[in-house]
Structures are given as C-alpha cells and as structure tokens.
C-alpha cells in the first residue's frame, strides 16, 4: 500500500475524515496534529499566492531582446 495523506478533524469525541476512504482492518496510521492558523496568516498566504500567480502567469511572453545572455543552443534564437 502506498503512503497517502488524508484531511481530517477532531469533532470533540473522535477523529473524522473529511472525505471517505476505504481502509482495511488493522491499517496502521500516523496522526499529526496541525496548529490552528490565524486569520491574519491565512490572509497573508492568500495574498502571497495571488501575487505569485500574477507574477508567474502561464501566458507570460517575454521578447528575446529582454535576455541579457543569449543561449546559443535555444532553438528560438
């Protein structure tokens, strides 16, 4: 069996998976407790993600004259 990660939460009495998963009896598990994340941290992470997506969009097209050192092996040059 391959190693996988599953999202779960503690409901006050037991650990509940966030999505169903077919376990075999006596499957060995490791449980990791994650610290609560503050709303401010979540906001900063969201802002960072958005800015990175803006900076590295898939449709970026830089002209060849923007390259300072030309790669002679590049087929487009």
C-alpha atoms as a PDB file:
ATOM      1  CA  UNK A   1       0.000   0.000   0.000  1.00  0.00           C
ATOM      2  CA  UNK A   2       1.300   3.452  -0.870  1.00  0.00           C
ATOM      3  CA  UNK A   3       1.630   6.240   1.724  1.00  0.00           C
ATOM      4  CA  UNK A   4      -1.099   8.882   1.428  1.00  0.00           C
ATOM      5  CA  UNK A   5      -2.247  11.931   3.393  1.00  0.00           C
ATOM      6  CA  UNK A   6      -5.906  12.423   4.314  1.00  0.00           C
ATOM      7  CA  UNK A   7      -7.548  15.534   5.743  1.00  0.00           C
ATOM      8  CA  UNK A   8      -9.416  15.003   8.992  1.00  0.00           C
ATOM      9  CA  UNK A   9     -10.668  16.856  12.062  1.00  0.00           C
ATOM     10  CA  UNK A  10     -11.474  16.115  15.696  1.00  0.00           C
ATOM     11  CA  UNK A  11     -15.170  16.599  16.457  1.00  0.00           C
ATOM     12  CA  UNK A  12     -14.714  16.664  20.235  1.00  0.00           C
ATOM     13  CA  UNK A  13     -15.036  12.894  20.633  1.00  0.00           C
ATOM     14  CA  UNK A  14     -13.310  11.172  17.713  1.00  0.00           C
ATOM     15  CA  UNK A  15     -11.200  11.811  14.639  1.00  0.00           C
ATOM     16  CA  UNK A  16     -13.357  12.194  11.498  1.00  0.00           C
ATOM     17  CA  UNK A  17     -12.063  12.002   7.931  1.00  0.00           C
ATOM     18  CA  UNK A  18     -13.087  14.960   5.776  1.00  0.00           C
ATOM     19  CA  UNK A  19     -13.653  12.589   2.827  1.00  0.00           C
ATOM     20  CA  UNK A  20     -14.379   8.840   2.899  1.00  0.00           C
ATOM     21  CA  UNK A  21     -11.512   6.426   2.344  1.00  0.00           C
ATOM     22  CA  UNK A  22     -11.631   2.602   2.155  1.00  0.00           C
ATOM     23  CA  UNK A  23      -9.423   1.276   4.984  1.00  0.00           C
ATOM     24  CA  UNK A  24      -8.552  -2.365   5.508  1.00  0.00           C
ATOM     25  CA  UNK A  25      -8.878  -3.720   9.078  1.00  0.00           C
ATOM     26  CA  UNK A  26      -5.785  -3.029  11.225  1.00  0.00           C
ATOM     27  CA  UNK A  27      -4.392  -0.428   8.809  1.00  0.00           C
ATOM     28  CA  UNK A  28      -1.525   1.395  10.528  1.00  0.00           C
ATOM     29  CA  UNK A  29      -1.940   5.178  10.763  1.00  0.00           C
ATOM     30  CA  UNK A  30       0.114   8.163  11.875  1.00  0.00           C
ATOM     31  CA  UNK A  31      -1.837  11.148  13.189  1.00  0.00           C
ATOM     32  CA  UNK A  32      -0.260  14.616  13.023  1.00  0.00           C
ATOM     33  CA  UNK A  33      -1.795  17.485  14.992  1.00  0.00           C
ATOM     34  CA  UNK A  34      -1.635  20.735  12.998  1.00  0.00           C
ATOM     35  CA  UNK A  35      -1.562  24.079  14.833  1.00  0.00           C
ATOM     36  CA  UNK A  36      -4.534  26.382  14.390  1.00  0.00           C
ATOM     37  CA  UNK A  37      -3.796  29.031  11.791  1.00  0.00           C
ATOM     38  CA  UNK A  38      -4.762  32.607  12.469  1.00  0.00           C
ATOM     39  CA  UNK A  39      -6.970  34.553  10.077  1.00  0.00           C
ATOM     40  CA  UNK A  40      -4.156  37.034   9.574  1.00  0.00           C
ATOM     41  CA  UNK A  41      -1.767  34.262   8.497  1.00  0.00           C
ATOM     42  CA  UNK A  42      -4.397  32.853   6.143  1.00  0.00           C
ATOM     43  CA  UNK A  43      -4.882  36.327   4.640  1.00  0.00           C
ATOM     44  CA  UNK A  44      -1.116  36.729   4.075  1.00  0.00           C
ATOM     45  CA  UNK A  45      -0.873  33.282   2.486  1.00  0.00           C
ATOM     46  CA  UNK A  46      -3.780  34.067   0.180  1.00  0.00           C
ATOM     47  CA  UNK A  47      -2.246  37.409  -0.804  1.00  0.00           C
ATOM     48  CA  UNK A  48       1.123  35.743  -1.467  1.00  0.00           C
ATOM     49  CA  UNK A  49      -0.481  33.053  -3.590  1.00  0.00           C
ATOM     50  CA  UNK A  50      -2.366  35.624  -5.668  1.00  0.00           C
ATOM     51  CA  UNK A  51       0.756  37.733  -6.224  1.00  0.00           C
ATOM     52  CA  UNK A  52       2.822  34.700  -7.244  1.00  0.00           C
ATOM     53  CA  UNK A  53       0.089  33.676  -9.684  1.00  0.00           C
ATOM     54  CA  UNK A  54       0.145  37.192 -11.137  1.00  0.00           C
ATOM     55  CA  UNK A  55       3.949  37.236 -11.397  1.00  0.00           C
ATOM     56  CA  UNK A  56       4.269  33.792 -12.990  1.00  0.00           C
ATOM     57  CA  UNK A  57       1.237  33.504 -15.250  1.00  0.00           C
ATOM     58  CA  UNK A  58       1.294  30.728 -17.842  1.00  0.00           C
ATOM     59  CA  UNK A  59       0.678  33.170 -20.677  1.00  0.00           C
ATOM     60  CA  UNK A  60       3.803  35.242 -19.988  1.00  0.00           C
ATOM     61  CA  UNK A  61       5.625  36.035 -23.202  1.00  0.00           C
ATOM     62  CA  UNK A  62       8.969  37.786 -22.894  1.00  0.00           C
ATOM     63  CA  UNK A  63      10.686  39.108 -26.036  1.00  0.00           C
ATOM     64  CA  UNK A  64      14.079  37.642 -26.917  1.00  0.00           C
ATOM     65  CA  UNK A  65      15.704  41.095 -26.617  1.00  0.00           C
ATOM     66  CA  UNK A  66      14.887  41.004 -22.879  1.00  0.00           C
ATOM     67  CA  UNK A  67      17.500  38.237 -22.458  1.00  0.00           C
ATOM     68  CA  UNK A  68      20.903  39.609 -21.473  1.00  0.00           C
ATOM     69  CA  UNK A  69      22.904  36.436 -22.144  1.00  0.00           C
ATOM     70  CA  UNK A  70      21.738  34.502 -25.203  1.00  0.00           C
ATOM     71  CA  UNK A  71      21.749  30.696 -25.090  1.00  0.00           C
ATOM     72  CA  UNK A  72      23.189  29.584 -28.447  1.00  0.00           C
ATOM     73  CA  UNK A  73      21.524  26.168 -28.069  1.00  0.00           C
ATOM     74  CA  UNK A  74      17.989  27.658 -27.794  1.00  0.00           C
ATOM     75  CA  UNK A  75      16.018  26.827 -30.945  1.00  0.00           C
ATOM     76  CA  UNK A  76      14.052  30.095 -30.898  1.00  0.00           C
ATOM     77  CA  UNK A  77      17.122  32.379 -31.102  1.00  0.00           C
END
